[in-house]
Protein backbone atom coordinates (compact mmCIF):
# COMPACT_ATOMS: atom_id res chain seq x y z
CA MET A 1 32.53 -42.85 -58.02
CA LYS A 2 32.96 -42.66 -54.26
CA TRP A 3 36.29 -43.48 -52.64
CA MET A 4 37.09 -44.32 -49.03
CA ILE A 5 40.74 -43.69 -48.08
CA ALA A 6 42.30 -45.17 -44.95
CA SER A 7 45.75 -45.83 -43.57
CA ASP A 8 47.70 -47.52 -40.81
CA ILE A 9 45.55 -50.49 -39.77
CA HIS A 10 48.66 -52.08 -38.23
CA GLY A 11 47.09 -55.52 -37.81
CA SER A 12 44.14 -54.47 -35.65
CA ALA A 13 41.24 -56.80 -36.53
CA GLY A 14 38.73 -54.86 -34.43
CA PHE A 15 39.49 -51.52 -36.06
CA CYS A 16 39.67 -53.19 -39.49
CA ARG A 17 36.15 -54.55 -38.94
CA GLN A 18 34.96 -51.07 -37.96
CA MET A 19 36.61 -49.59 -41.05
CA LEU A 20 34.95 -52.17 -43.31
CA ALA A 21 31.57 -51.53 -41.66
CA ARG A 22 32.03 -47.83 -42.44
CA PHE A 23 33.01 -48.76 -46.02
CA ASP A 24 29.69 -50.59 -46.36
CA GLU A 25 27.71 -47.77 -44.72
CA GLU A 26 29.44 -45.14 -46.89
CA ARG A 27 28.53 -47.21 -49.96
CA ALA A 28 31.93 -46.43 -51.39
CA ASP A 29 32.95 -48.00 -54.68
CA ARG A 30 36.62 -48.45 -53.79
CA LEU A 31 38.78 -48.57 -50.67
CA LEU A 32 42.24 -47.04 -51.04
CA LEU A 33 44.61 -48.21 -48.29
CA LEU A 34 47.75 -46.10 -47.79
CA GLY A 35 49.91 -48.81 -46.23
CA ASP A 36 50.91 -50.33 -42.89
CA ILE A 37 48.26 -53.00 -43.14
CA LEU A 38 49.33 -56.04 -41.07
CA TYR A 39 52.38 -55.27 -38.94
CA HIS A 40 52.52 -52.80 -36.04
CA GLY A 41 56.16 -51.80 -36.51
CA PRO A 42 58.93 -51.42 -33.92
CA ARG A 43 57.96 -47.84 -33.00
CA ASN A 44 54.31 -48.61 -32.21
CA ASP A 45 52.74 -50.50 -29.35
CA LEU A 46 50.54 -53.41 -30.32
CA PRO A 47 47.19 -51.96 -31.36
CA GLU A 48 44.01 -53.07 -29.67
CA GLY A 49 42.78 -56.33 -31.20
CA TYR A 50 46.10 -57.13 -32.89
CA ALA A 51 45.40 -60.10 -35.16
CA PRO A 52 47.14 -59.67 -38.53
CA ARG A 53 45.97 -63.04 -39.85
CA GLU A 54 42.36 -62.01 -39.24
CA VAL A 55 42.97 -58.62 -40.92
CA ALA A 56 44.31 -60.50 -43.96
CA GLU A 57 41.16 -62.64 -44.10
CA LEU A 58 38.87 -59.61 -43.74
CA LEU A 59 40.63 -57.70 -46.52
CA ASN A 60 41.03 -60.72 -48.82
CA ALA A 61 37.24 -61.03 -48.81
CA ARG A 62 37.08 -57.49 -50.28
CA ARG A 63 40.04 -57.76 -52.66
CA GLU A 64 38.09 -56.64 -55.75
CA LYS A 65 37.31 -53.30 -54.05
CA LEU A 66 40.85 -52.55 -52.78
CA LEU A 67 43.69 -50.43 -54.08
CA CYS A 68 46.74 -50.39 -51.82
CA VAL A 69 50.19 -48.87 -51.59
CA ARG A 70 53.08 -50.12 -49.51
CA GLY A 71 53.84 -48.67 -46.09
CA ASN A 72 57.11 -48.78 -44.22
CA CYS A 73 55.77 -51.68 -42.10
CA ASP A 74 54.61 -53.74 -45.12
CA ALA A 75 56.89 -56.46 -46.48
CA GLU A 76 57.01 -59.16 -49.14
CA VAL A 77 56.04 -61.74 -46.53
CA ASP A 78 52.77 -59.82 -46.01
CA GLN A 79 52.03 -60.14 -49.73
CA MET A 80 52.17 -63.91 -49.30
CA VAL A 81 48.96 -63.87 -47.22
CA LEU A 82 47.15 -61.06 -49.05
CA ASN A 83 45.28 -61.82 -52.29
CA PHE A 84 45.63 -58.28 -53.67
CA PRO A 85 48.74 -56.25 -54.50
CA ILE A 86 50.26 -54.10 -51.72
CA LEU A 87 53.86 -53.63 -52.79
CA ALA A 88 53.64 -50.55 -55.03
CA ASP A 89 55.24 -47.51 -53.41
CA TYR A 90 52.63 -45.20 -54.93
CA ALA A 91 49.59 -44.98 -57.20
CA VAL A 92 48.70 -42.13 -59.53
CA LEU A 93 44.96 -41.51 -59.86
CA THR A 94 42.71 -38.68 -60.94
CA ALA A 95 39.99 -36.74 -59.15
CA GLY A 96 38.21 -34.79 -61.85
CA GLU A 97 40.97 -32.89 -63.64
CA ARG A 98 43.41 -33.19 -60.74
CA LEU A 99 46.29 -35.64 -60.42
CA VAL A 100 46.25 -37.60 -57.16
CA TYR A 101 49.54 -39.09 -55.96
CA ALA A 102 48.78 -41.73 -53.30
CA THR A 103 51.64 -43.00 -51.16
CA HIS A 104 52.25 -44.05 -47.57
CA GLY A 105 54.28 -41.00 -46.64
CA HIS A 106 57.57 -42.42 -45.34
CA ARG A 107 59.43 -41.68 -48.58
CA TYR A 108 57.28 -38.97 -50.11
CA GLY A 109 55.08 -36.80 -47.93
CA PRO A 110 54.31 -33.16 -47.21
CA ALA A 111 57.88 -32.50 -46.04
CA ASN A 112 59.37 -34.27 -49.06
CA PRO A 113 56.76 -34.27 -51.85
CA PRO A 114 57.21 -36.01 -55.18
CA PRO A 115 57.29 -33.79 -58.28
CA LEU A 116 53.80 -32.24 -58.25
CA SER A 117 52.24 -29.24 -59.95
CA PRO A 118 49.76 -26.70 -58.60
CA GLY A 119 46.34 -28.34 -58.56
CA ASP A 120 47.73 -31.79 -57.73
CA ILE A 121 46.86 -33.74 -54.57
CA LEU A 122 49.19 -35.74 -52.32
CA LEU A 123 47.45 -38.44 -50.26
CA SER A 124 49.65 -39.92 -47.56
CA GLY A 125 49.35 -41.63 -44.19
CA HIS A 126 52.31 -42.62 -42.01
CA THR A 127 52.07 -39.87 -39.36
CA HIS A 128 48.78 -41.17 -37.91
CA ILE A 129 47.63 -37.53 -37.75
CA PRO A 130 44.84 -36.28 -40.05
CA GLU A 131 45.78 -33.33 -42.21
CA CYS A 132 44.20 -31.18 -44.88
CA ARG A 133 46.17 -28.18 -46.08
CA GLU A 134 47.00 -26.46 -49.31
CA GLU A 135 50.48 -25.09 -49.96
CA ASN A 136 51.76 -23.60 -53.21
CA GLY A 137 48.61 -24.85 -54.93
CA ILE A 138 49.16 -28.48 -53.86
CA LEU A 139 46.60 -30.14 -51.58
CA PHE A 140 48.08 -32.35 -48.85
CA LEU A 141 45.65 -34.85 -47.31
CA ASN A 142 46.22 -37.48 -44.63
CA PRO A 143 43.37 -39.70 -43.37
CA GLY A 144 45.06 -40.27 -40.00
CA SER A 145 45.12 -43.81 -38.64
CA VAL A 146 42.40 -46.42 -38.42
CA SER A 147 43.94 -48.10 -35.35
CA LEU A 148 46.69 -45.97 -33.77
CA PRO A 149 45.77 -42.26 -33.96
CA LYS A 150 48.35 -39.84 -32.63
CA ASN A 151 48.32 -36.25 -31.36
CA GLN A 152 44.92 -36.74 -29.68
CA SER A 153 43.25 -37.30 -33.06
CA SER A 154 40.40 -39.74 -33.67
CA ASN A 155 40.55 -43.10 -35.39
CA SER A 156 39.73 -41.78 -38.85
CA TYR A 157 39.43 -42.10 -42.61
CA LEU A 158 38.68 -39.91 -45.64
CA THR A 159 36.03 -40.12 -48.32
CA LEU A 160 36.04 -38.52 -51.76
CA SER A 161 32.68 -38.05 -53.41
CA GLU A 162 31.48 -35.47 -55.94
CA GLY A 163 34.60 -33.33 -55.53
CA VAL A 164 34.50 -33.23 -51.72
CA PHE A 165 37.09 -34.80 -49.44
CA ALA A 166 35.60 -35.46 -45.99
CA LEU A 167 37.47 -36.57 -42.88
CA HIS A 168 35.37 -38.92 -40.70
CA ASP A 169 35.90 -40.59 -37.36
CA LEU A 170 35.13 -44.32 -37.22
CA SER A 171 31.56 -43.61 -36.10
CA GLY A 172 31.07 -41.85 -39.44
CA LYS A 173 30.90 -38.34 -38.00
CA VAL A 174 32.29 -35.76 -40.44
CA LEU A 175 35.16 -33.89 -38.77
CA SER A 176 36.07 -31.61 -41.69
CA GLU A 177 35.53 -31.17 -45.43
CA TYR A 178 37.48 -29.79 -48.37
CA ARG A 179 35.73 -29.06 -51.68
CA LEU A 180 37.89 -29.28 -54.79
CA SER A 181 37.60 -26.09 -56.80
CA ARG A 182 38.23 -27.67 -60.18
């Protein structure tokens, strides 16, 4: 199964369309969204193409392919216009024999990880900065932001296929890869 992992759309319809085009081109089976879907938040400027209602329509059309967790900018009122669940603070998945803890990153993240064991993976967004690092046997991955990249990073997303996490920009170019050892 191939996964596409993205975060921090923040209501940008244009970047959401680009992300969904990449999802189709990647031929991924599922799209995991790590929160901050519709609202831009008080600390961010409005993203280019800000149209949260349109983002809701675009994502609702793909609801059977989506798995989402709640970001700090997501609220119950957002759930009222989305036809798929977004209000879970985390999801626990597996990648081969590894546990994958997927969360937005504002509560649990690399600086404050949930209880994890060596070999586990923490997927989080929130910072808008892509990251791939291993510390104490735990792999920390961040896909960056689809619409509001920070720290001179690219608009980006991750894929997971056949034990390889790959960071891509929105043109599909692979920026880095990490192969799971087990």
